Amino acid sequence: MAYRDLAGGRRAPANEPDWLTLGQAAKYLGVAQSTIRKWSDLGRVPAFYTPGGHRRYRRSDLDTFLERSGPGAKDRTGPVVLVVDDDPGVREVVRANLELEGYSVREAGSAAEGLTALEQEPPDLILLDVMMPEVDGWEMLRQIQERFGVGALPVIVFSGQVDERAVEEAESRGARGFLGKPFDPQRLIDQAKQILPT
């Protein structure tokens, strides 16, 4: 099979189309169709319209967007948010949505990585998944508070286990917010802005 080089050192089969539909573009970026539609409306991702009014996305524009907003992106100037979650897909969605709002986002795939990142440069806000292997989010939250003091670094926790007890537990442990997973990106942005305006 023949391949062609893409931006960021990635490769794609030569027979893949240069123009993608809304659904294909959303899948390519790993986000919901409503998310990429919003990004297009905000001018973050260029979209072209067919005579019938359907959006089409050029693959090279999507690659450029990924370079600008992905883990290797440079020149971040907004408040720093550290996202700690063992699911890379969740981290990417959170990153993309928060960067569009002007935040600078760093990622950690485990509690150990997150604690190391905290030592290097404490963020302005931490988004922390409760359900992680090895060291869970609750233990990481305890260690954060032990090292920096309770409330010194605001933390929003999120979990797939959503009930009243989970919300109360988050509050009692000193978290500033709680979101159930899968979460609505707009609710995440709203909570982040309440704690840390851009």
N, C-alpha and C. Protein backbone atom coordinates (compact mmCIF):
# COMPACT_ATOMS: atom_id res chain seq x y z
N MET A 1 0.85 -1.19 0.00
CA MET A 1 0.00 0.00 0.00
C MET A 1 0.89 1.25 0.00
N ALA A 2 0.53 2.21 -0.82
CA ALA A 2 1.30 3.46 -0.89
C ALA A 2 0.85 4.41 0.22
N TYR A 3 1.82 5.14 0.79
CA TYR A 3 1.53 6.09 1.85
C TYR A 3 2.03 7.47 1.45
N ARG A 4 1.47 8.49 2.08
CA ARG A 4 1.98 9.84 1.90
C ARG A 4 2.22 10.45 3.27
N ASP A 5 3.17 11.37 3.33
CA ASP A 5 3.53 12.01 4.59
C ASP A 5 2.56 13.14 4.91
N LEU A 6 2.19 13.23 6.19
CA LEU A 6 1.32 14.31 6.66
C LEU A 6 2.10 15.17 7.63
N ALA A 7 1.51 16.29 8.03
CA ALA A 7 2.13 17.17 9.01
C ALA A 7 2.35 16.41 10.31
N GLY A 8 3.38 16.80 11.06
CA GLY A 8 3.65 16.19 12.35
C GLY A 8 4.25 14.80 12.25
N GLY A 9 4.78 14.44 11.06
CA GLY A 9 5.43 13.15 10.91
C GLY A 9 4.47 11.98 10.77
N ARG A 10 3.18 12.25 10.61
CA ARG A 10 2.21 11.17 10.47
C ARG A 10 2.14 10.75 9.01
N ARG A 11 1.63 9.53 8.78
CA ARG A 11 1.49 9.02 7.42
C ARG A 11 0.07 8.53 7.23
N ALA A 12 -0.42 8.67 6.01
CA ALA A 12 -1.77 8.20 5.69
C ALA A 12 -1.73 7.45 4.37
N PRO A 13 -2.64 6.47 4.19
CA PRO A 13 -2.70 5.79 2.89
C PRO A 13 -2.93 6.80 1.77
N ALA A 14 -2.26 6.60 0.64
CA ALA A 14 -2.34 7.55 -0.47
C ALA A 14 -3.76 7.67 -1.03
N ASN A 15 -4.58 6.64 -0.83
CA ASN A 15 -5.93 6.69 -1.40
C ASN A 15 -6.95 7.38 -0.48
N GLU A 16 -6.53 7.85 0.70
CA GLU A 16 -7.46 8.58 1.56
C GLU A 16 -7.78 9.93 0.94
N PRO A 17 -9.03 10.38 1.03
CA PRO A 17 -9.40 11.65 0.39
C PRO A 17 -8.80 12.86 1.11
N ASP A 18 -8.56 13.92 0.32
CA ASP A 18 -8.05 15.17 0.89
C ASP A 18 -9.16 15.95 1.57
N TRP A 19 -10.41 15.76 1.14
CA TRP A 19 -11.56 16.49 1.70
C TRP A 19 -12.41 15.54 2.50
N LEU A 20 -12.78 15.96 3.72
CA LEU A 20 -13.56 15.10 4.61
C LEU A 20 -14.91 15.72 4.91
N THR A 21 -15.90 14.87 5.12
CA THR A 21 -17.21 15.34 5.56
C THR A 21 -17.12 15.73 7.03
N LEU A 22 -18.17 16.31 7.57
CA LEU A 22 -18.22 16.68 8.98
C LEU A 22 -17.97 15.46 9.87
N GLY A 23 -18.65 14.36 9.57
CA GLY A 23 -18.49 13.14 10.36
C GLY A 23 -17.08 12.58 10.28
N GLN A 24 -16.50 12.57 9.08
CA GLN A 24 -15.14 12.07 8.92
C GLN A 24 -14.13 12.96 9.64
N ALA A 25 -14.33 14.28 9.56
CA ALA A 25 -13.42 15.22 10.22
C ALA A 25 -13.50 15.07 11.73
N ALA A 26 -14.71 14.90 12.25
CA ALA A 26 -14.87 14.73 13.70
C ALA A 26 -14.16 13.46 14.15
N LYS A 27 -14.31 12.38 13.38
CA LYS A 27 -13.64 11.12 13.72
C LYS A 27 -12.12 11.30 13.63
N TYR A 28 -11.65 12.02 12.64
CA TYR A 28 -10.21 12.24 12.43
C TYR A 28 -9.60 12.98 13.63
N LEU A 29 -10.34 13.96 14.17
CA LEU A 29 -9.86 14.73 15.31
C LEU A 29 -10.20 14.07 16.64
N GLY A 30 -11.10 13.08 16.61
CA GLY A 30 -11.48 12.40 17.85
C GLY A 30 -12.43 13.21 18.72
N VAL A 31 -13.30 14.00 18.08
CA VAL A 31 -14.25 14.82 18.83
C VAL A 31 -15.66 14.62 18.27
N ALA A 32 -16.65 15.14 18.97
CA ALA A 32 -18.04 15.05 18.51
C ALA A 32 -18.25 16.00 17.32
N GLN A 33 -19.23 15.67 16.49
CA GLN A 33 -19.54 16.53 15.35
C GLN A 33 -19.94 17.93 15.79
N SER A 34 -20.65 18.02 16.92
CA SER A 34 -21.07 19.33 17.41
C SER A 34 -19.85 20.17 17.81
N THR A 35 -18.79 19.51 18.27
CA THR A 35 -17.58 20.24 18.69
C THR A 35 -16.88 20.84 17.49
N ILE A 36 -16.68 20.04 16.44
CA ILE A 36 -15.98 20.58 15.27
C ILE A 36 -16.85 21.62 14.56
N ARG A 37 -18.16 21.46 14.64
CA ARG A 37 -19.06 22.47 14.07
C ARG A 37 -18.87 23.81 14.79
N LYS A 38 -18.77 23.74 16.12
CA LYS A 38 -18.56 24.95 16.91
C LYS A 38 -17.21 25.58 16.57
N TRP A 39 -16.17 24.74 16.45
CA TRP A 39 -14.85 25.26 16.11
C TRP A 39 -14.87 25.95 14.75
N SER A 40 -15.63 25.39 13.80
CA SER A 40 -15.76 26.02 12.48
C SER A 40 -16.45 27.36 12.59
N ASP A 41 -17.52 27.41 13.38
CA ASP A 41 -18.27 28.67 13.55
C ASP A 41 -17.40 29.74 14.19
N LEU A 42 -16.46 29.32 15.06
CA LEU A 42 -15.56 30.27 15.71
C LEU A 42 -14.35 30.61 14.86
N GLY A 43 -14.22 29.93 13.70
CA GLY A 43 -13.09 30.20 12.80
C GLY A 43 -11.81 29.48 13.20
N ARG A 44 -11.89 28.52 14.11
CA ARG A 44 -10.69 27.81 14.55
C ARG A 44 -10.27 26.74 13.54
N VAL A 45 -11.25 26.12 12.90
CA VAL A 45 -10.98 25.10 11.89
C VAL A 45 -11.67 25.55 10.60
N PRO A 46 -10.89 25.80 9.52
CA PRO A 46 -11.52 26.25 8.28
C PRO A 46 -12.46 25.19 7.71
N ALA A 47 -13.63 25.63 7.29
CA ALA A 47 -14.59 24.74 6.66
C ALA A 47 -14.99 25.34 5.32
N PHE A 48 -15.26 24.49 4.36
CA PHE A 48 -15.74 24.91 3.06
C PHE A 48 -17.12 24.32 2.88
N TYR A 49 -17.95 25.02 2.15
CA TYR A 49 -19.34 24.60 2.02
C TYR A 49 -19.66 24.19 0.59
N THR A 50 -20.36 23.08 0.44
CA THR A 50 -20.81 22.62 -0.87
C THR A 50 -21.99 23.49 -1.30
N PRO A 51 -22.36 23.44 -2.57
CA PRO A 51 -23.54 24.21 -3.01
C PRO A 51 -24.79 23.85 -2.20
N GLY A 52 -24.83 22.64 -1.64
CA GLY A 52 -25.97 22.22 -0.83
C GLY A 52 -25.85 22.66 0.63
N GLY A 53 -24.76 23.36 0.97
CA GLY A 53 -24.60 23.86 2.33
C GLY A 53 -23.93 22.90 3.30
N HIS A 54 -23.36 21.80 2.80
CA HIS A 54 -22.67 20.84 3.67
C HIS A 54 -21.21 21.26 3.87
N ARG A 55 -20.73 21.04 5.08
CA ARG A 55 -19.34 21.41 5.39
C ARG A 55 -18.38 20.33 4.88
N ARG A 56 -17.23 20.81 4.40
CA ARG A 56 -16.14 19.92 4.01
C ARG A 56 -14.86 20.47 4.62
N TYR A 57 -14.01 19.57 5.06
CA TYR A 57 -12.76 19.95 5.74
C TYR A 57 -11.58 19.38 4.98
N ARG A 58 -10.57 20.22 4.75
CA ARG A 58 -9.36 19.77 4.09
C ARG A 58 -8.47 19.10 5.14
N ARG A 59 -7.97 17.92 4.82
CA ARG A 59 -7.16 17.14 5.75
C ARG A 59 -5.96 17.95 6.25
N SER A 60 -5.32 18.72 5.37
CA SER A 60 -4.14 19.50 5.78
C SER A 60 -4.52 20.56 6.81
N ASP A 61 -5.74 21.13 6.71
CA ASP A 61 -6.20 22.11 7.72
C ASP A 61 -6.38 21.43 9.08
N LEU A 62 -6.89 20.20 9.06
CA LEU A 62 -7.08 19.46 10.32
C LEU A 62 -5.73 19.12 10.94
N ASP A 63 -4.76 18.75 10.10
CA ASP A 63 -3.41 18.47 10.61
C ASP A 63 -2.79 19.72 11.23
N THR A 64 -2.97 20.86 10.58
CA THR A 64 -2.45 22.12 11.12
C THR A 64 -3.10 22.43 12.46
N PHE A 65 -4.43 22.21 12.55
CA PHE A 65 -5.14 22.44 13.81
C PHE A 65 -4.58 21.53 14.91
N LEU A 66 -4.34 20.26 14.58
CA LEU A 66 -3.79 19.32 15.57
C LEU A 66 -2.41 19.77 16.04
N GLU A 67 -1.60 20.27 15.12
CA GLU A 67 -0.26 20.75 15.49
C GLU A 67 -0.37 21.95 16.44
N ARG A 68 -1.32 22.85 16.15
CA ARG A 68 -1.49 24.05 16.95
C ARG A 68 -2.03 23.75 18.34
N SER A 69 -2.94 22.76 18.42
CA SER A 69 -3.62 22.53 19.70
C SER A 69 -3.22 21.23 20.38
N GLY A 70 -2.37 20.43 19.75
CA GLY A 70 -1.99 19.15 20.31
C GLY A 70 -0.91 19.27 21.37
N PRO A 71 -0.44 18.12 21.89
CA PRO A 71 0.54 18.12 22.99
C PRO A 71 1.83 18.85 22.67
N GLY A 72 2.22 18.93 21.39
CA GLY A 72 3.49 19.60 21.06
C GLY A 72 3.34 21.08 20.77
N ALA A 73 2.15 21.62 20.93
CA ALA A 73 1.93 23.02 20.56
C ALA A 73 2.76 23.97 21.43
N LYS A 74 3.13 25.10 20.83
CA LYS A 74 4.01 26.04 21.51
C LYS A 74 3.29 27.37 21.81
N ASP A 75 3.99 28.20 22.54
CA ASP A 75 3.57 29.59 22.78
C ASP A 75 2.22 29.71 23.48
N ARG A 76 2.01 28.95 24.52
CA ARG A 76 0.79 29.08 25.31
C ARG A 76 0.95 30.23 26.28
N THR A 77 -0.07 31.03 26.42
CA THR A 77 0.05 32.19 27.30
C THR A 77 -1.05 32.26 28.36
N GLY A 78 -2.11 31.46 28.25
CA GLY A 78 -3.22 31.54 29.20
C GLY A 78 -2.92 30.82 30.49
N PRO A 79 -3.88 30.85 31.44
CA PRO A 79 -3.72 30.12 32.70
C PRO A 79 -3.45 28.64 32.43
N VAL A 80 -2.62 28.04 33.25
CA VAL A 80 -2.19 26.65 33.03
C VAL A 80 -3.13 25.68 33.74
N VAL A 81 -3.64 24.71 32.97
CA VAL A 81 -4.51 23.66 33.50
C VAL A 81 -3.80 22.32 33.30
N LEU A 82 -3.71 21.53 34.35
CA LEU A 82 -3.13 20.19 34.26
C LEU A 82 -4.27 19.18 34.24
N VAL A 83 -4.34 18.37 33.19
CA VAL A 83 -5.37 17.34 33.05
C VAL A 83 -4.73 15.98 33.38
N VAL A 84 -5.25 15.31 34.41
CA VAL A 84 -4.72 14.02 34.82
C VAL A 84 -5.80 12.96 34.59
N ASP A 85 -5.59 12.12 33.57
CA ASP A 85 -6.56 11.08 33.23
C ASP A 85 -5.81 9.99 32.48
N ASP A 86 -6.12 8.72 32.77
CA ASP A 86 -5.42 7.64 32.09
C ASP A 86 -5.94 7.38 30.69
N ASP A 87 -7.01 8.07 30.28
CA ASP A 87 -7.59 7.90 28.94
C ASP A 87 -7.09 9.03 28.03
N PRO A 88 -6.22 8.72 27.05
CA PRO A 88 -5.70 9.78 26.18
C PRO A 88 -6.78 10.48 25.37
N GLY A 89 -7.87 9.77 25.05
CA GLY A 89 -8.95 10.39 24.31
C GLY A 89 -9.63 11.49 25.11
N VAL A 90 -9.86 11.23 26.40
CA VAL A 90 -10.46 12.24 27.28
C VAL A 90 -9.52 13.44 27.39
N ARG A 91 -8.23 13.17 27.56
CA ARG A 91 -7.27 14.28 27.68
C ARG A 91 -7.28 15.15 26.43
N GLU A 92 -7.36 14.53 25.27
CA GLU A 92 -7.33 15.30 24.02
C GLU A 92 -8.57 16.17 23.86
N VAL A 93 -9.74 15.61 24.20
CA VAL A 93 -10.98 16.40 24.10
C VAL A 93 -10.93 17.58 25.07
N VAL A 94 -10.48 17.32 26.31
CA VAL A 94 -10.39 18.38 27.30
C VAL A 94 -9.40 19.45 26.82
N ARG A 95 -8.23 19.01 26.34
CA ARG A 95 -7.22 19.94 25.84
C ARG A 95 -7.79 20.83 24.73
N ALA A 96 -8.38 20.20 23.74
CA ALA A 96 -8.87 20.96 22.58
C ALA A 96 -9.91 22.00 23.01
N ASN A 97 -10.83 21.60 23.88
CA ASN A 97 -11.88 22.53 24.31
C ASN A 97 -11.33 23.67 25.16
N LEU A 98 -10.43 23.36 26.08
CA LEU A 98 -9.90 24.41 26.94
C LEU A 98 -8.95 25.35 26.19
N GLU A 99 -8.17 24.82 25.26
CA GLU A 99 -7.27 25.69 24.50
C GLU A 99 -8.05 26.68 23.64
N LEU A 100 -9.20 26.25 23.15
CA LEU A 100 -10.04 27.18 22.38
C LEU A 100 -10.52 28.34 23.24
N GLU A 101 -10.57 28.13 24.55
CA GLU A 101 -11.02 29.18 25.47
C GLU A 101 -9.85 29.99 26.02
N GLY A 102 -8.62 29.70 25.56
CA GLY A 102 -7.48 30.50 25.97
C GLY A 102 -6.62 29.93 27.08
N TYR A 103 -6.91 28.69 27.50
CA TYR A 103 -6.10 28.06 28.54
C TYR A 103 -4.88 27.38 27.93
N SER A 104 -3.82 27.28 28.71
CA SER A 104 -2.65 26.48 28.36
C SER A 104 -2.81 25.15 29.07
N VAL A 105 -2.76 24.04 28.34
CA VAL A 105 -3.08 22.74 28.91
C VAL A 105 -1.86 21.82 28.90
N ARG A 106 -1.61 21.19 30.05
CA ARG A 106 -0.60 20.14 30.16
C ARG A 106 -1.32 18.85 30.52
N GLU A 107 -0.72 17.72 30.17
CA GLU A 107 -1.38 16.43 30.37
C GLU A 107 -0.52 15.48 31.18
N ALA A 108 -1.19 14.60 31.93
CA ALA A 108 -0.52 13.50 32.63
C ALA A 108 -1.43 12.28 32.52
N GLY A 109 -0.82 11.12 32.23
CA GLY A 109 -1.59 9.89 32.04
C GLY A 109 -1.76 9.06 33.29
N SER A 110 -1.20 9.52 34.42
CA SER A 110 -1.33 8.79 35.68
C SER A 110 -1.10 9.76 36.83
N ALA A 111 -1.42 9.29 38.04
CA ALA A 111 -1.19 10.13 39.22
C ALA A 111 0.30 10.41 39.39
N ALA A 112 1.14 9.41 39.13
CA ALA A 112 2.59 9.60 39.27
C ALA A 112 3.09 10.69 38.31
N GLU A 113 2.63 10.63 37.05
CA GLU A 113 3.01 11.67 36.07
C GLU A 113 2.49 13.03 36.52
N GLY A 114 1.28 13.05 37.05
CA GLY A 114 0.67 14.30 37.49
C GLY A 114 1.45 14.93 38.63
N LEU A 115 1.86 14.12 39.60
CA LEU A 115 2.62 14.64 40.75
C LEU A 115 3.99 15.15 40.31
N THR A 116 4.60 14.47 39.33
CA THR A 116 5.88 14.94 38.79
C THR A 116 5.69 16.29 38.10
N ALA A 117 4.61 16.42 37.31
CA ALA A 117 4.33 17.68 36.62
C ALA A 117 4.10 18.81 37.61
N LEU A 118 3.47 18.50 38.75
CA LEU A 118 3.22 19.51 39.78
C LEU A 118 4.53 20.03 40.37
N GLU A 119 5.49 19.14 40.54
CA GLU A 119 6.78 19.54 41.10
C GLU A 119 7.53 20.44 40.12
N GLN A 120 7.39 20.15 38.83
CA GLN A 120 8.11 20.93 37.81
C GLN A 120 7.55 22.34 37.70
N GLU A 121 6.23 22.44 37.62
CA GLU A 121 5.58 23.75 37.48
C GLU A 121 4.14 23.62 37.95
N PRO A 122 3.81 24.11 39.16
CA PRO A 122 2.43 24.00 39.63
C PRO A 122 1.47 24.74 38.68
N PRO A 123 0.39 24.08 38.29
CA PRO A 123 -0.59 24.72 37.40
C PRO A 123 -1.52 25.65 38.19
N ASP A 124 -2.38 26.34 37.47
CA ASP A 124 -3.38 27.21 38.10
C ASP A 124 -4.64 26.43 38.47
N LEU A 125 -4.85 25.28 37.78
CA LEU A 125 -6.04 24.46 38.01
C LEU A 125 -5.70 23.02 37.63
N ILE A 126 -6.24 22.06 38.38
CA ILE A 126 -6.04 20.64 38.07
C ILE A 126 -7.39 20.00 37.78
N LEU A 127 -7.47 19.27 36.67
CA LEU A 127 -8.64 18.46 36.34
C LEU A 127 -8.22 17.01 36.54
N LEU A 128 -8.89 16.31 37.45
CA LEU A 128 -8.40 15.03 37.94
C LEU A 128 -9.45 13.93 37.84
N ASP A 129 -9.10 12.86 37.14
CA ASP A 129 -9.98 11.69 37.06
C ASP A 129 -9.85 10.89 38.35
N VAL A 130 -10.99 10.50 38.91
CA VAL A 130 -10.99 9.75 40.16
C VAL A 130 -10.60 8.29 39.92
N MET A 131 -11.10 7.71 38.83
CA MET A 131 -10.90 6.27 38.57
C MET A 131 -9.67 6.06 37.69
N MET A 132 -8.51 5.86 38.33
CA MET A 132 -7.28 5.56 37.59
C MET A 132 -6.64 4.33 38.21
N PRO A 133 -5.90 3.54 37.40
CA PRO A 133 -5.22 2.37 37.96
C PRO A 133 -4.06 2.78 38.86
N GLU A 134 -3.59 1.85 39.65
CA GLU A 134 -2.49 2.06 40.60
C GLU A 134 -2.88 3.10 41.64
N VAL A 135 -2.53 4.36 41.44
CA VAL A 135 -2.90 5.42 42.40
C VAL A 135 -4.14 6.13 41.86
N ASP A 136 -5.25 6.11 42.60
CA ASP A 136 -6.46 6.75 42.09
C ASP A 136 -6.45 8.25 42.35
N GLY A 137 -7.46 8.92 41.81
CA GLY A 137 -7.53 10.38 41.92
C GLY A 137 -7.68 10.88 43.34
N TRP A 138 -8.40 10.12 44.19
CA TRP A 138 -8.58 10.56 45.58
C TRP A 138 -7.24 10.60 46.31
N GLU A 139 -6.41 9.58 46.07
CA GLU A 139 -5.10 9.55 46.71
C GLU A 139 -4.21 10.67 46.17
N MET A 140 -4.31 10.93 44.86
CA MET A 140 -3.52 12.03 44.30
C MET A 140 -3.97 13.36 44.91
N LEU A 141 -5.28 13.54 45.07
CA LEU A 141 -5.80 14.77 45.67
C LEU A 141 -5.25 14.93 47.09
N ARG A 142 -5.21 13.82 47.85
CA ARG A 142 -4.68 13.88 49.21
C ARG A 142 -3.21 14.31 49.20
N GLN A 143 -2.44 13.75 48.26
CA GLN A 143 -1.01 14.09 48.17
C GLN A 143 -0.81 15.54 47.74
N ILE A 144 -1.67 16.03 46.84
CA ILE A 144 -1.58 17.44 46.43
C ILE A 144 -1.79 18.34 47.65
N GLN A 145 -2.81 18.02 48.42
CA GLN A 145 -3.13 18.84 49.60
C GLN A 145 -2.02 18.75 50.65
N GLU A 146 -1.42 17.58 50.76
CA GLU A 146 -0.33 17.39 51.72
C GLU A 146 0.88 18.24 51.33
N ARG A 147 1.16 18.29 50.04
CA ARG A 147 2.35 19.02 49.56
C ARG A 147 2.13 20.52 49.48
N PHE A 148 0.93 20.94 49.03
CA PHE A 148 0.71 22.35 48.73
C PHE A 148 -0.25 23.03 49.70
N GLY A 149 -0.94 22.25 50.51
CA GLY A 149 -1.95 22.81 51.41
C GLY A 149 -3.34 22.66 50.82
N VAL A 150 -4.33 22.47 51.70
CA VAL A 150 -5.72 22.29 51.24
C VAL A 150 -6.20 23.59 50.59
N GLY A 151 -6.70 23.46 49.36
CA GLY A 151 -7.24 24.62 48.65
C GLY A 151 -6.21 25.49 47.96
N ALA A 152 -4.92 25.20 48.13
CA ALA A 152 -3.89 26.03 47.50
C ALA A 152 -3.93 25.89 45.97
N LEU A 153 -4.18 24.67 45.50
CA LEU A 153 -4.33 24.42 44.06
C LEU A 153 -5.75 23.93 43.83
N PRO A 154 -6.58 24.70 43.12
CA PRO A 154 -7.96 24.25 42.90
C PRO A 154 -8.00 22.99 42.03
N VAL A 155 -8.88 22.07 42.42
CA VAL A 155 -9.00 20.79 41.71
C VAL A 155 -10.47 20.55 41.37
N ILE A 156 -10.72 20.19 40.11
CA ILE A 156 -12.03 19.70 39.69
C ILE A 156 -11.85 18.21 39.42
N VAL A 157 -12.65 17.37 40.07
CA VAL A 157 -12.55 15.93 39.84
C VAL A 157 -13.67 15.48 38.91
N PHE A 158 -13.39 14.42 38.14
CA PHE A 158 -14.45 13.83 37.33
C PHE A 158 -14.38 12.32 37.43
N SER A 159 -15.57 11.70 37.28
CA SER A 159 -15.68 10.26 37.46
C SER A 159 -16.84 9.71 36.66
N GLY A 160 -16.69 8.45 36.25
CA GLY A 160 -17.78 7.76 35.57
C GLY A 160 -18.86 7.34 36.55
N GLN A 161 -18.53 7.32 37.84
CA GLN A 161 -19.50 6.96 38.88
C GLN A 161 -20.15 8.26 39.36
N VAL A 162 -21.37 8.47 38.90
CA VAL A 162 -22.05 9.73 39.21
C VAL A 162 -23.26 9.46 40.10
N ASP A 163 -23.18 9.93 41.32
CA ASP A 163 -24.33 9.90 42.22
C ASP A 163 -24.12 10.98 43.26
N GLU A 164 -25.12 11.17 44.09
CA GLU A 164 -25.05 12.25 45.08
C GLU A 164 -23.88 12.05 46.04
N ARG A 165 -23.60 10.79 46.36
CA ARG A 165 -22.51 10.49 47.29
C ARG A 165 -21.16 10.91 46.71
N ALA A 166 -20.98 10.71 45.39
CA ALA A 166 -19.72 11.08 44.74
C ALA A 166 -19.51 12.59 44.80
N VAL A 167 -20.58 13.35 44.58
CA VAL A 167 -20.49 14.81 44.63
C VAL A 167 -20.14 15.26 46.05
N GLU A 168 -20.82 14.67 47.03
CA GLU A 168 -20.55 15.01 48.44
C GLU A 168 -19.12 14.65 48.83
N GLU A 169 -18.66 13.48 48.34
CA GLU A 169 -17.31 13.05 48.66
C GLU A 169 -16.28 14.03 48.08
N ALA A 170 -16.52 14.48 46.85
CA ALA A 170 -15.61 15.45 46.22
C ALA A 170 -15.52 16.72 47.06
N GLU A 171 -16.68 17.21 47.50
CA GLU A 171 -16.71 18.41 48.34
C GLU A 171 -15.98 18.19 49.66
N SER A 172 -16.27 17.04 50.31
CA SER A 172 -15.68 16.78 51.62
C SER A 172 -14.17 16.60 51.55
N ARG A 173 -13.68 16.19 50.40
CA ARG A 173 -12.24 15.98 50.24
C ARG A 173 -11.53 17.26 49.75
N GLY A 174 -12.28 18.32 49.55
CA GLY A 174 -11.65 19.59 49.21
C GLY A 174 -11.59 19.93 47.74
N ALA A 175 -12.28 19.14 46.88
CA ALA A 175 -12.32 19.48 45.45
C ALA A 175 -13.22 20.70 45.25
N ARG A 176 -12.89 21.51 44.26
CA ARG A 176 -13.68 22.72 43.99
C ARG A 176 -14.84 22.47 43.04
N GLY A 177 -14.84 21.31 42.40
CA GLY A 177 -15.92 21.00 41.47
C GLY A 177 -15.94 19.51 41.17
N PHE A 178 -17.06 19.03 40.60
CA PHE A 178 -17.21 17.63 40.25
C PHE A 178 -17.97 17.55 38.93
N LEU A 179 -17.49 16.69 38.03
CA LEU A 179 -18.19 16.44 36.78
C LEU A 179 -18.32 14.94 36.57
N GLY A 180 -19.48 14.49 36.11
CA GLY A 180 -19.66 13.09 35.76
C GLY A 180 -19.15 12.85 34.35
N LYS A 181 -18.68 11.63 34.10
CA LYS A 181 -18.23 11.24 32.76
C LYS A 181 -19.25 10.30 32.15
N PRO A 182 -19.48 10.38 30.85
CA PRO A 182 -18.90 11.37 29.94
C PRO A 182 -19.50 12.74 30.21
N PHE A 183 -18.67 13.78 30.16
CA PHE A 183 -19.15 15.11 30.51
C PHE A 183 -19.35 15.97 29.28
N ASP A 184 -20.18 16.96 29.46
CA ASP A 184 -20.43 17.96 28.42
C ASP A 184 -19.26 18.94 28.45
N PRO A 185 -18.53 19.09 27.34
CA PRO A 185 -17.40 20.02 27.33
C PRO A 185 -17.75 21.43 27.79
N GLN A 186 -18.98 21.87 27.49
CA GLN A 186 -19.36 23.23 27.89
C GLN A 186 -19.45 23.35 29.41
N ARG A 187 -19.93 22.30 30.07
CA ARG A 187 -19.98 22.32 31.55
C ARG A 187 -18.58 22.37 32.14
N LEU A 188 -17.66 21.64 31.51
CA LEU A 188 -16.27 21.68 31.96
C LEU A 188 -15.70 23.09 31.82
N ILE A 189 -15.93 23.71 30.68
CA ILE A 189 -15.44 25.07 30.44
C ILE A 189 -16.05 26.04 31.44
N ASP A 190 -17.36 25.89 31.68
CA ASP A 190 -18.03 26.80 32.62
C ASP A 190 -17.44 26.67 34.03
N GLN A 191 -17.20 25.42 34.47
CA GLN A 191 -16.63 25.23 35.81
C GLN A 191 -15.22 25.79 35.87
N ALA A 192 -14.43 25.55 34.82
CA ALA A 192 -13.05 26.06 34.79
C ALA A 192 -13.05 27.58 34.86
N LYS A 193 -13.96 28.23 34.13
CA LYS A 193 -14.00 29.69 34.10
C LYS A 193 -14.47 30.27 35.43
N GLN A 194 -15.34 29.55 36.14
CA GLN A 194 -15.76 30.04 37.45
C GLN A 194 -14.58 30.11 38.42
N ILE A 195 -13.72 29.10 38.34
CA ILE A 195 -12.58 29.02 39.24
C ILE A 195 -11.40 29.85 38.72
N LEU A 196 -11.21 29.79 37.39
CA LEU A 196 -10.01 30.39 36.79
C LEU A 196 -10.37 31.07 35.48
N PRO A 197 -10.81 32.33 35.53
CA PRO A 197 -11.17 33.03 34.29
C PRO A 197 -9.94 33.20 33.40
N THR A 198 -10.16 33.12 32.08
CA THR A 198 -9.04 33.34 31.16
C THR A 198 -8.81 34.82 30.97
